[in-house]
Amino acid sequence: MPQTNQKLYEKMEYVTMKLTDTKFSGLKLIYFFNPTDSRGKFVKFYNETAFKLNNLNFNLKEAYYSVSKKNVIRGMHFQISPMAHKKIVFVSNGKINDVVIDIRKNSPTFGQTYSVQLSSNNNLAIFIPKGFAHGFVSLADDTIVNYLQTTEYSQEHDQGILWNSFSFEWKTKNPILSERDNLLSTFEAYCKSNIEW
């Protein structure tokens, strides 16, 4: 084992953050370090060493959070080059069904969706590489969703896909959406675009 990696592994006892693969290339689940005691709990939601051990380069440029009522759908959002970004998403209050769709036209999983429940209780996050549109449906009032991103928001490069224009069951009868999200382009229109990753 290279000396650099050996030093990283020696530090892992202080990291204890686990990343696992999904069937989508580059898309990963993150299991947070979350010790609990009589006072409550402590959650570590990012560690550079853990990311290096998984061959991930994550240079944080912007962080923010949203607060949503139950049945709010936000998405499906992405930014195009040169402002495309990698993203870490997790929930610090409430719960969501987090949803991504692979929009890399040369990918074997192009057009396929992946969904995972993220909550303040399961200490789970999702790492989303470039080339995925992202969104979620809130499953509880006052749900706080946190985002860590490798580029800053750019209105010029900000795009999205209409939430109900691809094959996914949102399982909510009364979705609440912004006017902007209801006017996003369809997945069919995206397929005809010249956007490449």
Protein backbone atom coordinates (compact mmCIF):
# COMPACT_ATOMS: atom_id res chain seq x y z
CA MET A 1 0.00 0.00 0.00
CA PRO A 2 1.41 3.47 -0.89
CA GLN A 3 2.66 5.38 2.12
CA THR A 4 0.16 8.19 1.61
CA ASN A 5 -2.78 5.77 1.65
CA GLN A 6 -1.35 3.98 4.68
CA LYS A 7 -1.35 7.25 6.62
CA LEU A 8 -4.94 7.87 5.56
CA TYR A 9 -6.03 4.42 6.70
CA GLU A 10 -4.33 4.92 10.05
CA LYS A 11 -6.51 8.00 10.55
CA MET A 12 -9.74 6.14 9.75
CA GLU A 13 -10.39 5.27 13.40
CA TYR A 14 -11.09 9.00 13.86
CA VAL A 15 -13.16 9.24 10.69
CA THR A 16 -15.60 6.30 10.79
CA MET A 17 -17.57 7.75 7.88
CA LYS A 18 -18.53 5.15 5.30
CA LEU A 19 -19.23 5.65 1.60
CA THR A 20 -20.87 2.94 -0.49
CA ASP A 21 -21.45 2.60 -4.23
CA THR A 22 -24.78 2.44 -6.03
CA LYS A 23 -25.41 0.93 -9.47
CA PHE A 24 -24.97 4.44 -10.91
CA SER A 25 -21.37 5.34 -11.70
CA GLY A 26 -20.13 7.97 -9.24
CA LEU A 27 -23.34 8.13 -7.19
CA LYS A 28 -22.68 7.14 -3.58
CA LEU A 29 -24.39 6.87 -0.22
CA ILE A 30 -22.66 8.34 2.83
CA TYR A 31 -23.17 6.93 6.31
CA PHE A 32 -22.30 9.60 8.84
CA PHE A 33 -20.20 9.24 11.94
CA ASN A 34 -22.88 9.74 14.61
CA PRO A 35 -22.00 8.80 18.21
CA THR A 36 -24.75 9.28 20.79
CA ASP A 37 -24.73 9.57 24.57
CA SER A 38 -26.87 10.94 27.39
CA ARG A 39 -26.51 14.47 26.00
CA GLY A 40 -27.80 13.63 22.52
CA LYS A 41 -25.75 12.97 19.38
CA PHE A 42 -22.86 14.31 17.37
CA VAL A 43 -22.90 14.07 13.56
CA LYS A 44 -19.89 14.46 11.27
CA PHE A 45 -21.20 15.09 7.76
CA TYR A 46 -17.97 15.64 5.85
CA ASN A 47 -14.42 14.34 6.14
CA GLU A 48 -11.75 14.92 3.51
CA THR A 49 -9.83 11.75 4.40
CA ALA A 50 -12.87 9.55 3.87
CA PHE A 51 -13.46 11.13 0.48
CA LYS A 52 -9.82 10.69 -0.57
CA LEU A 53 -9.98 7.03 0.39
CA ASN A 54 -12.90 6.72 -2.01
CA ASN A 55 -11.02 8.60 -4.76
CA LEU A 56 -13.39 11.55 -4.57
CA ASN A 57 -12.22 15.12 -4.99
CA PHE A 58 -14.70 17.46 -3.31
CA ASN A 59 -13.73 21.14 -3.23
CA LEU A 60 -16.54 22.89 -1.33
CA LYS A 61 -17.62 26.22 -2.86
CA GLU A 62 -21.13 26.79 -1.51
CA ALA A 63 -23.39 25.45 1.26
CA TYR A 64 -27.03 26.19 2.00
CA TYR A 65 -30.27 24.62 3.24
CA SER A 66 -33.97 24.68 2.44
CA VAL A 67 -36.95 24.36 4.78
CA SER A 68 -40.02 22.63 3.33
CA LYS A 69 -43.56 21.74 4.30
CA LYS A 70 -44.83 18.19 3.87
CA ASN A 71 -45.58 17.31 0.20
CA VAL A 72 -43.27 19.99 -1.20
CA ILE A 73 -41.40 18.81 -4.28
CA ARG A 74 -38.20 20.64 -5.20
CA GLY A 75 -36.47 19.71 -8.43
CA MET A 76 -35.27 18.40 -10.67
CA HIS A 77 -32.26 20.74 -10.76
CA PHE A 78 -28.75 20.76 -12.22
CA GLN A 79 -26.16 23.20 -13.52
CA ILE A 80 -24.39 22.88 -16.85
CA SER A 81 -20.70 23.35 -17.64
CA PRO A 82 -18.62 25.21 -16.62
CA MET A 83 -20.69 25.57 -13.43
CA ALA A 84 -21.75 21.92 -13.13
CA HIS A 85 -21.18 20.64 -9.64
CA LYS A 86 -20.83 17.66 -7.38
CA LYS A 87 -23.24 17.76 -4.46
CA ILE A 88 -23.73 16.26 -1.01
CA VAL A 89 -27.31 16.28 0.27
CA PHE A 90 -28.50 15.40 3.78
CA VAL A 91 -31.37 16.15 6.17
CA SER A 92 -30.92 17.71 9.60
CA ASN A 93 -34.63 17.86 10.50
CA GLY A 94 -37.55 15.85 9.13
CA LYS A 95 -37.33 13.46 6.20
CA ILE A 96 -37.46 13.31 2.41
CA ASN A 97 -37.46 10.91 -0.50
CA ASP A 98 -34.41 12.12 -2.37
CA VAL A 99 -34.47 11.57 -6.12
CA VAL A 100 -31.86 11.74 -8.87
CA ILE A 101 -32.05 10.97 -12.58
CA ASP A 102 -28.99 10.13 -14.65
CA ILE A 103 -28.83 12.69 -17.47
CA ARG A 104 -25.45 11.61 -18.89
CA LYS A 105 -26.44 10.60 -22.40
CA ASN A 106 -23.54 8.17 -22.82
CA SER A 107 -24.18 6.47 -19.47
CA PRO A 108 -25.55 2.89 -19.34
CA THR A 109 -28.03 4.14 -16.72
CA PHE A 110 -29.12 7.22 -18.70
CA GLY A 111 -32.72 8.14 -17.91
CA GLN A 112 -32.90 5.88 -14.88
CA THR A 113 -33.82 7.18 -11.45
CA TYR A 114 -32.50 6.44 -7.98
CA SER A 115 -34.34 7.31 -4.76
CA VAL A 116 -33.37 7.03 -1.11
CA GLN A 117 -35.02 8.24 2.09
CA LEU A 118 -32.88 10.74 3.97
CA SER A 119 -33.85 11.82 7.47
CA SER A 120 -32.52 13.43 10.62
CA ASN A 121 -32.67 9.97 12.24
CA ASN A 122 -30.90 7.75 9.71
CA ASN A 123 -27.67 9.82 9.43
CA LEU A 124 -27.48 9.12 5.72
CA ALA A 125 -26.48 11.41 2.86
CA ILE A 126 -26.13 11.10 -0.90
CA PHE A 127 -23.12 12.14 -2.97
CA ILE A 128 -24.25 13.27 -6.41
CA PRO A 129 -21.65 13.65 -9.19
CA LYS A 130 -21.96 15.86 -12.23
CA GLY A 131 -24.50 14.69 -14.78
CA PHE A 132 -27.47 14.04 -12.49
CA ALA A 133 -30.63 16.09 -12.00
CA HIS A 134 -31.66 16.23 -8.35
CA GLY A 135 -34.85 16.77 -6.41
CA PHE A 136 -36.88 15.53 -3.47
CA VAL A 137 -40.32 15.32 -1.91
CA SER A 138 -40.66 16.37 1.72
CA LEU A 139 -42.31 13.78 3.96
CA ALA A 140 -42.74 16.01 7.02
CA ASP A 141 -43.33 19.65 7.87
CA ASP A 142 -40.29 21.82 8.65
CA THR A 143 -37.91 19.47 6.87
CA ILE A 144 -34.43 20.95 6.55
CA VAL A 145 -32.39 19.77 3.58
CA ASN A 146 -28.70 20.70 3.49
CA TYR A 147 -26.60 21.03 0.33
CA LEU A 148 -22.81 21.13 -0.04
CA GLN A 149 -21.66 22.00 -3.58
CA THR A 150 -18.43 22.30 -5.54
CA THR A 151 -19.57 25.35 -7.54
CA GLU A 152 -21.59 28.41 -6.64
CA TYR A 153 -25.11 28.98 -7.90
CA SER A 154 -25.16 30.47 -11.40
CA GLN A 155 -28.50 31.57 -12.82
CA GLU A 156 -27.01 31.52 -16.32
CA HIS A 157 -26.10 27.82 -16.00
CA ASP A 158 -29.03 26.70 -13.85
CA GLN A 159 -31.38 24.22 -15.54
CA GLY A 160 -33.85 21.51 -14.64
CA ILE A 161 -36.22 18.79 -15.69
CA LEU A 162 -39.96 18.83 -15.01
CA TRP A 163 -40.72 16.62 -12.02
CA ASN A 164 -43.50 14.58 -13.67
CA SER A 165 -41.99 14.21 -17.15
CA PHE A 166 -40.02 11.02 -16.45
CA SER A 167 -40.80 7.65 -14.95
CA PHE A 168 -40.95 8.06 -11.17
CA GLU A 169 -43.75 7.60 -8.63
CA TRP A 170 -43.60 10.53 -6.18
CA LYS A 171 -46.31 9.04 -3.95
CA THR A 172 -47.90 12.33 -3.02
CA LYS A 173 -51.47 13.29 -3.98
CA ASN A 174 -51.12 17.02 -3.34
CA PRO A 175 -47.64 18.12 -4.41
CA ILE A 176 -46.58 21.68 -3.66
CA LEU A 177 -44.22 23.20 -6.22
CA SER A 178 -42.80 26.58 -7.08
CA GLU A 179 -43.90 28.30 -10.28
CA ARG A 180 -40.34 27.96 -11.54
CA ASP A 181 -40.24 24.18 -11.01
CA ASN A 182 -43.60 23.74 -12.72
CA LEU A 183 -42.19 25.48 -15.82
CA LEU A 184 -39.03 23.40 -16.20
CA SER A 185 -38.38 21.59 -19.49
CA THR A 186 -39.50 18.00 -19.91
CA PHE A 187 -37.12 15.06 -19.92
CA GLU A 188 -38.03 14.50 -23.58
CA ALA A 189 -36.89 18.05 -24.39
CA TYR A 190 -33.65 17.45 -22.48
CA CYS A 191 -32.99 14.32 -24.56
CA LYS A 192 -33.19 16.46 -27.70
CA SER A 193 -30.86 19.12 -26.31
CA ASN A 194 -27.15 19.42 -27.06
CA ILE A 195 -26.10 19.27 -23.39
CA GLU A 196 -23.17 16.93 -22.85
CA TRP A 197 -21.28 15.81 -19.73
